[in-house]
Each structure stands twice: as C-alpha cells, then as structure tokens.
Amino acid sequence: MNKIFIIHENDEWIEPLRVQIKKLNLPFEEWHMNKMTFNTSNVPPVGVFYNRMSASSHTRGHRYAPEYTAVILNWLEFYNRRIINNSRALALELSKSLQYKELEKEDIKIPNTVYAASKEQLLQLGKNFLFPFLTKHNRAGRGLGIKLFHDYQSFQKYINSIEIQDSIDGITLLQEYITPKTASIIRTEFVDSKFFYAVQVDTSKGFELCPADPCNIEDEYCPANATGNKFMILDGFSSPILDQYQKVLKQNHIEIAGIEFLQDAQGQLYTYDINTNTNYNSIAESLSELKGMKAIADFLRRELEKINNFKI
C-alpha cells in the first residue's frame, strides 16, 4: 500500500499531526531533512508527499534543510508525485519579497516595504523611510528580526550594534508599521486551499506569534479576550479578502497555509505574512469543534485514497 510522506525538520511541530494520522490508521513515513539521505538517481516511492519545511529551520540548527528540501521536491516533481505544498509553496515560505508580490497581484494591500542586503543599505533606506517602521527578515518565521523603531537615532544605533540579528538569506526588510485597531492580528487558516478558520492573536507582548504549542511554553494569559488565551478562534468569521487569499494560494500551488493580516484604525486591512508550514494552538482549539491537524489528516487521507483508488 502507498503511504503518506511528511517532509519536515521539526519533530515537536509534527507530533500533533502524528496523533491525528495514527487515529485514522493511515500508513505514513517521516522524512526529516536534517537526518535522512536520499539517492535521487533512484525512482522515488509512490504516495502523498506533504511538505512542512519551515523558514526558521536554521534556528534549530538545520541551516540547509530548506535547500535540501528543494532538491527533494524537484526530484519528486520530475516523477509527477502527488505533493502537497510543492516547490512553489516552499519558495514563498522562504521569501517575504515573493509573498508580497503574489499578494499584490490580487490587489491585496500590504504595508509599504523596502529591502536591503547590507547595513549600509539599511541605513540609507532608513533616512527616507516614514517612521514608525519595522525591521524584518526576508527568510523568517517566528517573528525573526522584527524590531520597531520610532526615530532614526535608535534605528541607527541598533543597526551598528552587536544586537542586530542578520537575516539568514542576507535580506532585511524595512516595513511601514501599521498601528492596529486593537492589539491583535487575525490569522486565517486554509486546508485544501479552502478557508478553514480564523484565529485572533494578541500582539500586546510582542511579534513572535507562532501558534505551535512548543513555541508557547510561558504564561500566555491574555485578558483581552474571553478565553484568556493568546489565541482565540473566531466563530463565523467572514471577509471578502478570503476569496482573494484563496486565489493567491491556488495560483501558487499552496494547499495548506496560514495568512496573517491586521486592521488599522480606519478599517483598512493589511496582509503581511503567508506561512506554508502552519501550526495550530491546542488551547484555542480545545474551545472549538474545529481542529486544524485533524482537518489536515482528513485531507491527506482523501488524497491517499485517490492514489490507492479505494477508501481507507
């Protein structure tokens, strides 16, 4: 029988999906990109391949896992294997610049953003950039490199200090800071390129907004919502922007993703992140019938049934 193959580099983030796949008694195998070696001169196995490679892999000591994943995805695509979140999805995961261009194609508003490849470029661009603004890493995840600046002096001091965090791909963003209407952002989740649910995320304590449980080991109590949790699923969420998001995902062969936006005081929506290695917060989901990893496992089952040509 053919299998589900999970391509990843983070055992902790995979655990909730393992649980759901095992509940469905689905055959699966994990391909950890920092532990396995592949002979790409061979024909790859037949199955459903789910790419969960993360842009932040280097923070876990897996510096070249995304590059190796690109090689493996190219190999699988050459043999026309069924891949969920293929090489195009990986490219967007690794580049804010590419994400923003794809969003702009659908007239989705993003914060004003410029890009620099050196400290000198950052300082030069900062002189003419409207404050307040943020620095961000182009290849990021988990809020890497995000700092807020209200004046050029503090920005210049940071850029010239040993505290500066260099982006792993060498590209740093300067991005307009949009003051949110409330101290929160909205993260919209998609499975099978279709809207699944939206979650409100409290930003009052900073910009590291990864929803995975291992990312949230400290006290995350938030008095701003009824659950007290940093993450809260919004029942019955709807917005015209969801149709635009779904177009972006389909055009880029992204089938599972989380897309984040915020609303300013005038009600304008600004989108700033597409995460193709999306995770879910268990506390938020405990208060809802919607379960992200269960939905993914069900989707993987349906795709495996298509290949096997019978129901599991």
Protein backbone atom coordinates (compact mmCIF):
# COMPACT_ATOMS: atom_id res chain seq x y z
CA MET A 1 0.00 0.00 0.00
CA ASN A 2 1.19 3.52 -0.76
CA LYS A 3 2.00 5.90 2.08
CA ILE A 4 1.82 9.47 3.25
CA PHE A 5 5.30 11.01 3.43
CA ILE A 6 5.80 14.02 5.73
CA ILE A 7 8.76 16.20 4.78
CA HIS A 8 9.91 18.29 7.75
CA GLU A 9 12.74 19.26 10.13
CA ASN A 10 10.96 19.73 13.47
CA ASP A 11 9.85 16.67 15.45
CA GLU A 12 7.94 18.69 18.06
CA TRP A 13 5.82 20.51 15.49
CA ILE A 14 4.94 17.20 13.81
CA GLU A 15 3.64 15.46 16.94
CA PRO A 16 0.01 16.76 16.75
CA LEU A 17 -0.19 15.58 13.12
CA ARG A 18 1.25 12.18 14.05
CA VAL A 19 -1.55 11.76 16.58
CA GLN A 20 -4.27 12.53 14.04
CA ILE A 21 -2.77 10.33 11.31
CA LYS A 22 -2.50 7.41 13.74
CA LYS A 23 -6.14 7.86 14.75
CA LEU A 24 -7.08 7.31 11.12
CA ASN A 25 -4.74 4.28 10.87
CA LEU A 26 -3.04 5.80 7.84
CA PRO A 27 0.32 4.42 6.66
CA PHE A 28 2.91 7.16 6.87
CA GLU A 29 6.62 7.84 6.95
CA GLU A 30 8.56 10.89 8.06
CA TRP A 31 11.35 12.38 6.02
CA HIS A 32 13.40 14.57 8.37
CA MET A 33 15.53 16.75 6.13
CA ASN A 34 18.40 17.00 8.60
CA LYS A 35 18.56 13.29 9.37
CA MET A 36 17.92 11.42 6.11
CA THR A 37 19.91 10.91 2.92
CA PHE A 38 18.27 10.29 -0.46
CA ASN A 39 19.67 8.85 -3.66
CA THR A 40 17.90 10.98 -6.24
CA SER A 41 19.22 8.78 -9.07
CA ASN A 42 16.59 6.27 -7.94
CA VAL A 43 12.87 6.45 -8.67
CA PRO A 44 11.02 7.85 -5.61
CA PRO A 45 8.24 5.86 -3.93
CA VAL A 46 4.62 6.48 -4.86
CA GLY A 47 2.47 8.21 -2.27
CA VAL A 48 1.26 11.55 -0.98
CA PHE A 49 4.10 13.89 -0.02
CA TYR A 50 3.30 16.70 2.42
CA ASN A 51 5.97 19.40 2.61
CA ARG A 52 6.17 21.04 6.05
CA MET A 53 9.56 22.68 5.70
CA SER A 54 9.96 25.84 7.78
CA ALA A 55 11.75 29.10 7.02
CA SER A 56 13.00 29.16 10.63
CA SER A 57 14.79 25.79 10.40
CA HIS A 58 18.19 27.44 10.92
CA THR A 59 17.15 28.45 14.46
CA ARG A 60 17.07 24.73 15.29
CA GLY A 61 20.48 24.00 13.78
CA HIS A 62 19.08 22.85 10.43
CA ARG A 63 20.70 25.52 8.28
CA TYR A 64 20.36 23.87 4.87
CA ALA A 65 17.21 21.83 5.40
CA PRO A 66 15.14 24.12 3.11
CA GLU A 67 17.73 23.91 0.32
CA TYR A 68 17.82 20.11 0.61
CA THR A 69 14.03 20.05 0.63
CA ALA A 70 14.06 22.00 -2.65
CA VAL A 71 16.26 19.27 -4.18
CA ILE A 72 13.90 16.55 -2.95
CA LEU A 73 10.80 18.37 -4.18
CA ASN A 74 12.41 18.82 -7.62
CA TRP A 75 13.08 15.08 -7.68
CA LEU A 76 9.51 14.24 -6.72
CA GLU A 77 8.07 16.71 -9.22
CA PHE A 78 10.18 15.23 -12.01
CA TYR A 79 8.41 11.93 -11.36
CA ASN A 80 4.98 13.60 -11.07
CA ARG A 81 4.44 12.55 -7.47
CA ARG A 82 1.48 13.98 -5.54
CA ILE A 83 2.94 16.81 -3.45
CA ILE A 84 1.01 19.00 -1.05
CA ASN A 85 2.77 22.38 -0.83
CA ASN A 86 5.23 21.84 -3.65
CA SER A 87 8.42 23.70 -4.64
CA ARG A 88 6.48 26.88 -5.42
CA ALA A 89 4.99 26.83 -1.92
CA LEU A 90 8.49 26.33 -0.48
CA ALA A 91 9.75 29.35 -2.44
CA LEU A 92 7.06 31.54 -0.86
CA GLU A 93 7.76 30.13 2.60
CA LEU A 94 11.37 31.29 2.28
CA SER A 95 10.79 34.80 0.91
CA LYS A 96 8.66 37.67 2.20
CA SER A 97 9.54 39.52 -1.01
CA LEU A 98 7.96 36.81 -3.16
CA GLN A 99 4.94 36.57 -0.86
CA TYR A 100 4.24 40.27 -1.18
CA LYS A 101 4.48 40.26 -4.97
CA GLU A 102 1.98 37.42 -5.17
CA LEU A 103 -0.38 39.21 -2.79
CA GLU A 104 -0.13 42.42 -4.80
CA LYS A 105 -1.11 40.54 -7.97
CA GLU A 106 -4.56 40.10 -6.37
CA ASP A 107 -4.70 43.75 -5.24
CA ILE A 108 -4.22 42.72 -1.62
CA LYS A 109 -2.86 45.66 0.37
CA ILE A 110 0.48 45.15 2.12
CA PRO A 111 2.48 47.57 4.28
CA ASN A 112 4.99 49.71 2.38
CA THR A 113 8.19 47.63 2.29
CA VAL A 114 11.76 48.01 1.00
CA TYR A 115 14.67 45.57 1.02
CA ALA A 116 18.36 45.81 1.93
CA ALA A 117 21.33 43.48 1.62
CA SER A 118 23.74 45.30 3.96
CA LYS A 119 23.92 47.61 6.97
CA GLU A 120 24.86 50.44 4.65
CA GLN A 121 21.75 49.91 2.55
CA LEU A 122 19.57 49.73 5.64
CA LEU A 123 20.92 53.00 6.98
CA GLN A 124 20.50 54.70 3.63
CA LEU A 125 16.91 53.48 3.16
CA GLY A 126 16.06 54.35 6.76
CA LYS A 127 16.88 58.02 6.19
CA ASN A 128 13.93 58.44 3.84
CA PHE A 129 11.50 55.91 5.31
CA LEU A 130 8.49 57.15 7.23
CA PHE A 131 8.56 56.38 10.98
CA PRO A 132 7.50 54.32 12.78
CA PHE A 133 8.77 51.27 10.90
CA LEU A 134 9.80 47.68 11.50
CA THR A 135 12.81 45.64 10.52
CA LYS A 136 12.08 42.06 9.46
CA HIS A 137 13.97 39.14 7.99
CA ASN A 138 13.10 38.17 4.43
CA ARG A 139 13.51 34.50 5.33
CA ALA A 140 11.92 34.49 8.70
CA GLY A 141 9.28 32.64 10.70
CA ARG A 142 8.59 33.06 14.42
CA GLY A 143 8.97 36.83 14.24
CA LEU A 144 12.69 36.71 13.46
CA GLY A 145 14.39 40.08 13.23
CA ILE A 146 11.29 42.12 13.98
CA LYS A 147 12.11 45.38 15.76
CA LEU A 148 10.02 48.55 15.98
CA PHE A 149 11.64 51.98 15.60
CA HIS A 150 10.16 55.43 16.17
CA ASP A 151 13.18 57.54 15.20
CA TYR A 152 16.33 57.35 13.09
CA GLN A 153 18.73 57.66 16.03
CA SER A 154 17.52 54.48 17.72
CA PHE A 155 17.42 52.69 14.36
CA GLN A 156 20.99 53.72 13.54
CA LYS A 157 22.19 52.64 16.98
CA TYR A 158 20.61 49.19 16.54
CA ILE A 159 22.00 48.67 13.03
CA ASN A 160 25.53 49.50 14.21
CA SER A 161 25.28 47.39 17.38
CA ILE A 162 26.14 43.78 18.12
CA GLU A 163 22.47 43.20 18.95
CA ILE A 164 21.41 43.23 15.31
CA GLN A 165 20.10 39.92 14.01
CA ASP A 166 21.15 39.22 10.43
CA SER A 167 18.67 37.51 8.15
CA ILE A 168 19.83 34.04 7.16
CA ASP A 169 19.44 34.93 3.47
CA GLY A 170 21.13 38.32 3.90
CA ILE A 171 18.00 40.32 3.06
CA THR A 172 16.37 42.58 5.66
CA LEU A 173 13.11 44.47 5.25
CA LEU A 174 12.15 47.92 6.36
CA GLN A 175 8.38 47.88 6.67
CA GLU A 176 5.81 50.51 7.47
CA TYR A 177 4.37 49.95 10.94
CA ILE A 178 0.59 49.81 10.79
CA THR A 179 -0.96 50.74 14.12
CA PRO A 180 -3.65 48.10 14.64
CA LYS A 181 -7.18 48.98 15.58
CA THR A 182 -6.80 46.62 18.53
CA ALA A 183 -3.70 44.95 19.97
CA SER A 184 -4.26 41.87 17.82
CA ILE A 185 -3.89 40.39 14.36
CA ILE A 186 -6.01 37.82 12.51
CA ARG A 187 -4.52 34.61 11.20
CA THR A 188 -6.65 32.84 8.58
CA GLU A 189 -6.08 29.12 8.12
CA PHE A 190 -6.56 27.18 4.89
CA VAL A 191 -6.69 23.43 4.21
CA ASP A 192 -7.06 22.07 0.66
CA SER A 193 -6.72 25.73 -0.43
CA LYS A 194 -10.08 26.42 1.24
CA PHE A 195 -10.73 28.65 4.26
CA PHE A 196 -10.85 26.60 7.46
CA TYR A 197 -11.00 29.10 10.33
CA ALA A 198 -9.67 32.41 11.60
CA VAL A 199 -7.89 32.96 14.88
CA GLN A 200 -7.34 36.23 16.71
CA VAL A 201 -3.82 36.57 18.12
CA ASP A 202 -2.95 39.00 20.90
CA THR A 203 0.14 41.08 19.98
CA SER A 204 0.43 43.14 23.16
CA LYS A 205 3.51 41.18 24.30
CA GLY A 206 5.43 41.25 21.02
CA PHE A 207 5.67 39.95 17.49
CA GLU A 208 6.59 36.28 17.99
CA LEU A 209 3.22 34.85 17.01
CA CYS A 210 3.93 31.18 16.28
CA PRO A 211 0.80 29.24 17.38
CA ALA A 212 2.53 25.87 17.87
CA ASP A 213 2.37 24.66 21.47
CA PRO A 214 6.19 24.26 21.83
CA CYS A 215 6.51 27.96 20.94
CA ASN A 216 4.22 28.99 23.80
CA ILE A 217 5.72 27.47 26.93
CA GLU A 218 5.48 30.64 29.01
CA ASP A 219 2.37 32.13 30.57
CA GLU A 220 0.27 33.29 27.63
CA TYR A 221 -2.73 34.61 29.54
CA CYS A 222 -4.47 37.39 27.64
CA PRO A 223 -7.19 39.39 29.39
CA ALA A 224 -8.22 40.99 26.08
CA ASN A 225 -10.42 38.08 25.02
CA ALA A 226 -12.98 35.85 26.68
CA THR A 227 -10.80 32.73 26.67
CA GLY A 228 -7.81 34.38 28.34
CA ASN A 229 -5.59 32.65 25.75
CA LYS A 230 -3.25 34.48 23.38
CA PHE A 231 -5.01 32.67 20.52
CA MET A 232 -8.80 32.64 20.08
CA ILE A 233 -10.74 31.07 17.20
CA LEU A 234 -13.32 33.47 15.77
CA ASP A 235 -16.64 31.74 15.18
CA GLY A 236 -18.33 32.51 11.89
CA PHE A 237 -15.54 34.71 10.56
CA SER A 238 -16.10 36.03 7.03
CA SER A 239 -14.45 38.67 4.86
CA PRO A 240 -14.16 39.39 1.13
CA ILE A 241 -10.39 39.04 1.49
CA LEU A 242 -10.76 35.28 1.93
CA ASP A 243 -11.63 34.87 -1.76
CA GLN A 244 -8.52 36.85 -2.68
CA TYR A 245 -6.37 34.70 -0.39
CA GLN A 246 -7.74 31.51 -1.94
CA LYS A 247 -6.80 32.79 -5.41
CA VAL A 248 -3.24 33.50 -4.25
CA LEU A 249 -2.94 30.03 -2.76
CA LYS A 250 -4.29 28.23 -5.81
CA GLN A 251 -2.11 30.22 -8.20
CA ASN A 252 0.96 29.26 -6.17
CA HIS A 253 0.04 25.59 -5.57
CA ILE A 254 -0.27 26.16 -1.83
CA GLU A 255 -2.81 23.81 -0.28
CA ILE A 256 -2.18 24.29 3.44
CA ALA A 257 -1.29 27.71 4.86
CA GLY A 258 -1.90 30.42 7.41
CA ILE A 259 -2.17 34.02 6.20
CA GLU A 260 -1.95 36.92 8.66
CA PHE A 261 -3.42 40.40 8.44
CA LEU A 262 -4.25 43.32 10.69
CA GLN A 263 -6.80 46.12 10.56
CA ASP A 264 -5.87 49.76 11.08
CA ALA A 265 -7.96 52.38 12.87
CA GLN A 266 -9.74 53.25 9.62
CA GLY A 267 -10.72 49.65 8.95
CA GLN A 268 -8.17 49.05 6.16
CA LEU A 269 -6.76 45.51 6.05
CA TYR A 270 -3.02 44.95 5.62
CA THR A 271 -1.68 41.47 4.87
CA TYR A 272 1.94 40.75 5.82
CA ASP A 273 2.63 37.01 6.04
CA ILE A 274 1.94 33.71 4.28
CA ASN A 275 3.01 30.71 6.34
CA THR A 276 3.01 27.43 4.41
CA ASN A 277 4.20 25.49 7.47
CA THR A 278 1.20 26.46 9.55
CA ASN A 279 0.62 25.24 13.10
CA TYR A 280 -2.36 25.38 15.44
CA ASN A 281 -2.81 26.29 19.08
CA SER A 282 -4.29 23.46 21.17
CA ILE A 283 -5.82 25.74 23.83
CA ALA A 284 -7.72 27.75 21.23
CA GLU A 285 -8.87 24.56 19.50
CA SER A 286 -9.98 22.99 22.79
CA LEU A 287 -12.80 25.56 22.83
CA SER A 288 -13.89 24.78 19.28
CA GLU A 289 -15.06 21.82 17.22
CA LEU A 290 -12.56 22.81 14.54
CA LYS A 291 -9.20 21.00 14.74
CA GLY A 292 -6.51 22.02 12.29
CA MET A 293 -4.36 18.89 12.33
CA LYS A 294 -7.44 16.66 12.12
CA ALA A 295 -8.52 18.57 9.01
CA ILE A 296 -5.06 18.07 7.51
CA ALA A 297 -5.07 14.35 8.34
CA ASP A 298 -8.51 14.01 6.71
CA PHE A 299 -7.21 15.84 3.63
CA LEU A 300 -4.16 13.54 3.45
CA ARG A 301 -6.46 10.51 3.75
CA ARG A 302 -8.60 11.70 0.82
CA GLU A 303 -5.54 12.27 -1.33
CA LEU A 304 -4.12 8.86 -0.45
CA GLU A 305 -7.44 7.24 -1.34
CA LYS A 306 -7.23 8.84 -4.81
CA ILE A 307 -3.83 7.25 -5.37
CA ASN A 308 -4.82 3.87 -3.94
CA ASN A 309 -8.19 4.07 -5.73
CA PHE A 310 -10.13 2.80 -2.73
CA LYS A 311 -11.31 4.12 0.64
CA ILE A 312 -9.20 3.65 3.74
